[in-house]
Structures are given as structure tokens and as C-alpha cells.
Amino acid sequence: MYDIEYIRSVIRETIENRGLDFIEDTTPIDLDSLQFISMVVEFEDAFNITINDDYLRMDRFTSFVNIENTLIDILENTSRES
């Protein structure tokens, strides 16, 4: 299982790498489709996971909290499958 602070730091860095403004809450992040895809790829690399189609929806990546919850869900499901 991943440390929540590590997950948050990866999210922060990934969002900041795109020059996006964000607050660590449910405030929407202004994300276009290219930024969305590049963030997904960066999260997959950072956590050594594959984000399957069930999670590839913009609404799962619209805020810091949504991203955090999505990644935790994916990581928990990945660890159960191992």
C-alpha cells in the first residue's frame, strides 16, 4: 500500500508540471483533454499501474480530491489483484 502523503505529492507534482492552478480540495481543475491524458500516463508511470477504461473519465480527474480518491481506489484494487 502507498503512503497517502506520497500519493498527494505525486498528484501535486503532476498538476504543477502542467502549469495548472489547484487547491487541495474539491475545487475544479481547468483540465483539457491533452492534459488529462498526459496526467494519466504520468500517474501510471509514478505508481507502476495501468489505469483501465473504467477510470478513464474526466470526472474522476476534475479536482485534487477526485484524483486522490481515484488513485487510492486503483491502488487498492491493484494490490488485491496481486
N, C-alpha and C. Protein backbone atom coordinates (compact mmCIF):
# COMPACT_ATOMS: atom_id res chain seq x y z
N MET A 1 0.84 -1.19 0.00
CA MET A 1 0.00 0.00 0.00
C MET A 1 0.88 1.25 0.00
N TYR A 2 0.42 2.28 -0.67
CA TYR A 2 1.17 3.53 -0.77
C TYR A 2 0.82 4.47 0.38
N ASP A 3 1.79 5.25 0.76
CA ASP A 3 1.61 6.28 1.77
C ASP A 3 0.78 7.42 1.17
N ILE A 4 -0.23 7.87 1.90
CA ILE A 4 -1.12 8.92 1.39
C ILE A 4 -0.34 10.20 1.07
N GLU A 5 0.67 10.50 1.85
CA GLU A 5 1.46 11.71 1.57
C GLU A 5 2.25 11.56 0.26
N TYR A 6 2.70 10.36 -0.02
CA TYR A 6 3.38 10.12 -1.29
C TYR A 6 2.40 10.30 -2.45
N ILE A 7 1.20 9.75 -2.31
CA ILE A 7 0.18 9.91 -3.35
C ILE A 7 -0.10 11.39 -3.59
N ARG A 8 -0.27 12.14 -2.52
CA ARG A 8 -0.55 13.57 -2.64
C ARG A 8 0.60 14.32 -3.29
N SER A 9 1.82 13.95 -2.95
CA SER A 9 2.98 14.64 -3.54
C SER A 9 3.07 14.37 -5.04
N VAL A 10 2.75 13.15 -5.45
CA VAL A 10 2.75 12.82 -6.89
C VAL A 10 1.65 13.61 -7.60
N ILE A 11 0.49 13.70 -7.00
CA ILE A 11 -0.61 14.48 -7.59
C ILE A 11 -0.20 15.94 -7.72
N ARG A 12 0.35 16.52 -6.64
CA ARG A 12 0.80 17.92 -6.69
C ARG A 12 1.78 18.14 -7.83
N GLU A 13 2.80 17.31 -7.88
CA GLU A 13 3.85 17.46 -8.89
C GLU A 13 3.28 17.30 -10.31
N THR A 14 2.41 16.35 -10.48
CA THR A 14 1.81 16.09 -11.79
C THR A 14 0.98 17.28 -12.26
N ILE A 15 0.19 17.83 -11.36
CA ILE A 15 -0.63 19.00 -11.71
C ILE A 15 0.27 20.21 -11.97
N GLU A 16 1.24 20.43 -11.10
CA GLU A 16 2.15 21.57 -11.27
C GLU A 16 2.95 21.48 -12.56
N ASN A 17 3.31 20.26 -12.98
CA ASN A 17 4.06 20.07 -14.23
C ASN A 17 3.29 20.57 -15.45
N ARG A 18 1.99 20.70 -15.33
CA ARG A 18 1.16 21.19 -16.41
C ARG A 18 0.82 22.66 -16.27
N GLY A 19 1.36 23.30 -15.25
CA GLY A 19 1.11 24.72 -15.03
C GLY A 19 -0.31 25.05 -14.64
N LEU A 20 -0.99 24.08 -14.04
CA LEU A 20 -2.38 24.28 -13.66
C LEU A 20 -2.49 24.80 -12.23
N ASP A 21 -3.48 25.65 -12.01
CA ASP A 21 -3.79 26.13 -10.66
C ASP A 21 -4.68 25.12 -9.98
N PHE A 22 -4.43 24.88 -8.70
CA PHE A 22 -5.27 23.94 -7.97
C PHE A 22 -5.21 24.23 -6.49
N ILE A 23 -6.23 23.75 -5.80
CA ILE A 23 -6.31 23.79 -4.35
C ILE A 23 -6.54 22.34 -3.93
N GLU A 24 -5.98 21.93 -2.83
CA GLU A 24 -6.10 20.54 -2.40
C GLU A 24 -7.46 20.27 -1.75
N ASP A 25 -8.48 20.45 -2.56
CA ASP A 25 -9.84 20.16 -2.12
C ASP A 25 -10.66 19.76 -3.35
N THR A 26 -11.95 20.04 -3.33
CA THR A 26 -12.81 19.65 -4.45
C THR A 26 -12.98 20.75 -5.50
N THR A 27 -12.20 21.81 -5.39
CA THR A 27 -12.26 22.89 -6.37
C THR A 27 -11.86 22.34 -7.74
N PRO A 28 -12.67 22.60 -8.77
CA PRO A 28 -12.36 22.06 -10.10
C PRO A 28 -11.02 22.56 -10.64
N ILE A 29 -10.33 21.64 -11.33
CA ILE A 29 -9.09 21.96 -12.03
C ILE A 29 -9.46 22.14 -13.50
N ASP A 30 -8.97 23.23 -14.10
CA ASP A 30 -9.25 23.51 -15.51
C ASP A 30 -8.33 22.65 -16.37
N LEU A 31 -8.81 21.49 -16.77
CA LEU A 31 -8.01 20.47 -17.42
C LEU A 31 -8.56 20.20 -18.81
N ASP A 32 -7.69 20.29 -19.84
CA ASP A 32 -8.16 19.92 -21.18
C ASP A 32 -7.83 18.45 -21.45
N SER A 33 -8.26 17.95 -22.59
CA SER A 33 -8.13 16.52 -22.87
C SER A 33 -6.67 16.07 -22.99
N LEU A 34 -5.80 16.90 -23.55
CA LEU A 34 -4.39 16.53 -23.64
C LEU A 34 -3.73 16.49 -22.27
N GLN A 35 -4.05 17.45 -21.42
CA GLN A 35 -3.52 17.45 -20.06
C GLN A 35 -4.03 16.22 -19.30
N PHE A 36 -5.29 15.88 -19.52
CA PHE A 36 -5.88 14.70 -18.87
C PHE A 36 -5.09 13.44 -19.24
N ILE A 37 -4.89 13.22 -20.52
CA ILE A 37 -4.18 12.02 -20.97
C ILE A 37 -2.74 12.01 -20.46
N SER A 38 -2.06 13.14 -20.53
CA SER A 38 -0.67 13.17 -20.06
C SER A 38 -0.58 12.95 -18.56
N MET A 39 -1.59 13.42 -17.80
CA MET A 39 -1.61 13.16 -16.37
C MET A 39 -1.80 11.67 -16.09
N VAL A 40 -2.70 11.04 -16.83
CA VAL A 40 -2.94 9.61 -16.66
C VAL A 40 -1.65 8.83 -16.88
N VAL A 41 -0.94 9.16 -17.95
CA VAL A 41 0.32 8.48 -18.26
C VAL A 41 1.34 8.70 -17.14
N GLU A 42 1.42 9.92 -16.63
CA GLU A 42 2.36 10.21 -15.55
C GLU A 42 2.00 9.45 -14.27
N PHE A 43 0.71 9.36 -13.96
CA PHE A 43 0.29 8.59 -12.78
C PHE A 43 0.61 7.10 -12.97
N GLU A 44 0.37 6.59 -14.17
CA GLU A 44 0.69 5.19 -14.43
C GLU A 44 2.18 4.92 -14.22
N ASP A 45 3.01 5.82 -14.71
CA ASP A 45 4.46 5.66 -14.53
C ASP A 45 4.87 5.78 -13.06
N ALA A 46 4.32 6.76 -12.37
CA ALA A 46 4.71 7.02 -10.99
C ALA A 46 4.35 5.86 -10.06
N PHE A 47 3.20 5.24 -10.32
CA PHE A 47 2.73 4.18 -9.43
C PHE A 47 2.88 2.78 -10.02
N ASN A 48 3.44 2.72 -11.22
CA ASN A 48 3.64 1.43 -11.90
C ASN A 48 2.32 0.66 -12.00
N ILE A 49 1.31 1.35 -12.53
CA ILE A 49 -0.03 0.78 -12.67
C ILE A 49 -0.52 1.01 -14.09
N THR A 50 -1.60 0.35 -14.43
CA THR A 50 -2.34 0.65 -15.65
C THR A 50 -3.71 1.12 -15.22
N ILE A 51 -4.09 2.29 -15.67
CA ILE A 51 -5.41 2.82 -15.34
C ILE A 51 -6.36 2.33 -16.43
N ASN A 52 -7.23 1.40 -16.06
CA ASN A 52 -8.10 0.82 -17.07
C ASN A 52 -9.27 1.73 -17.41
N ASP A 53 -9.99 1.35 -18.43
CA ASP A 53 -11.03 2.19 -19.01
C ASP A 53 -12.10 2.63 -18.02
N ASP A 54 -12.38 1.82 -17.02
CA ASP A 54 -13.40 2.19 -16.03
C ASP A 54 -13.06 3.50 -15.33
N TYR A 55 -11.79 3.81 -15.23
CA TYR A 55 -11.34 5.02 -14.53
C TYR A 55 -11.02 6.17 -15.47
N LEU A 56 -11.01 5.93 -16.76
CA LEU A 56 -10.62 6.96 -17.73
C LEU A 56 -11.79 7.86 -18.08
N ARG A 57 -12.23 8.60 -17.07
CA ARG A 57 -13.30 9.57 -17.24
C ARG A 57 -12.84 10.89 -16.64
N MET A 58 -13.10 11.96 -17.34
CA MET A 58 -12.66 13.28 -16.87
C MET A 58 -13.20 13.60 -15.47
N ASP A 59 -14.42 13.14 -15.16
CA ASP A 59 -14.99 13.48 -13.85
C ASP A 59 -14.20 12.88 -12.70
N ARG A 60 -13.39 11.87 -12.96
CA ARG A 60 -12.54 11.29 -11.91
C ARG A 60 -11.27 12.11 -11.69
N PHE A 61 -11.02 13.07 -12.57
CA PHE A 61 -9.79 13.86 -12.50
C PHE A 61 -10.08 15.37 -12.50
N THR A 62 -11.24 15.77 -11.98
CA THR A 62 -11.63 17.18 -12.04
C THR A 62 -11.18 18.01 -10.84
N SER A 63 -10.72 17.35 -9.79
CA SER A 63 -10.23 18.09 -8.62
C SER A 63 -9.15 17.26 -7.94
N PHE A 64 -8.41 17.91 -7.07
CA PHE A 64 -7.36 17.21 -6.32
C PHE A 64 -7.93 16.02 -5.57
N VAL A 65 -9.05 16.22 -4.89
CA VAL A 65 -9.67 15.16 -4.09
C VAL A 65 -10.17 14.03 -4.99
N ASN A 66 -10.76 14.36 -6.13
CA ASN A 66 -11.21 13.31 -7.06
C ASN A 66 -10.04 12.47 -7.55
N ILE A 67 -8.94 13.13 -7.89
CA ILE A 67 -7.75 12.41 -8.34
C ILE A 67 -7.23 11.51 -7.23
N GLU A 68 -7.13 12.07 -6.04
CA GLU A 68 -6.65 11.29 -4.88
C GLU A 68 -7.51 10.06 -4.65
N ASN A 69 -8.82 10.24 -4.62
CA ASN A 69 -9.73 9.11 -4.40
C ASN A 69 -9.64 8.07 -5.51
N THR A 70 -9.51 8.53 -6.74
CA THR A 70 -9.39 7.62 -7.88
C THR A 70 -8.12 6.79 -7.77
N LEU A 71 -7.00 7.46 -7.49
CA LEU A 71 -5.73 6.73 -7.39
C LEU A 71 -5.73 5.75 -6.22
N ILE A 72 -6.28 6.15 -5.10
CA ILE A 72 -6.36 5.23 -3.94
C ILE A 72 -7.19 4.01 -4.32
N ASP A 73 -8.31 4.23 -4.98
CA ASP A 73 -9.17 3.12 -5.40
C ASP A 73 -8.42 2.18 -6.35
N ILE A 74 -7.73 2.74 -7.32
CA ILE A 74 -6.95 1.93 -8.27
C ILE A 74 -5.85 1.15 -7.55
N LEU A 75 -5.12 1.83 -6.67
CA LEU A 75 -4.03 1.18 -5.96
C LEU A 75 -4.53 0.08 -5.04
N GLU A 76 -5.66 0.30 -4.39
CA GLU A 76 -6.23 -0.74 -3.52
C GLU A 76 -6.68 -1.94 -4.35
N ASN A 77 -7.29 -1.69 -5.48
CA ASN A 77 -7.73 -2.80 -6.36
C ASN A 77 -6.54 -3.54 -6.96
N THR A 78 -5.49 -2.80 -7.27
CA THR A 78 -4.28 -3.42 -7.83
C THR A 78 -3.62 -4.32 -6.79
N SER A 79 -3.56 -3.85 -5.54
CA SER A 79 -2.92 -4.67 -4.50
C SER A 79 -3.73 -5.91 -4.19
N ARG A 80 -5.05 -5.86 -4.33
CA ARG A 80 -5.88 -7.03 -4.10
C ARG A 80 -5.71 -8.07 -5.20
N GLU A 81 -5.43 -7.58 -6.41
CA GLU A 81 -5.26 -8.48 -7.55
C GLU A 81 -3.90 -9.18 -7.54
N SER A 82 -2.95 -8.62 -6.80
CA SER A 82 -1.59 -9.19 -6.78
C SER A 82 -1.50 -10.43 -5.93
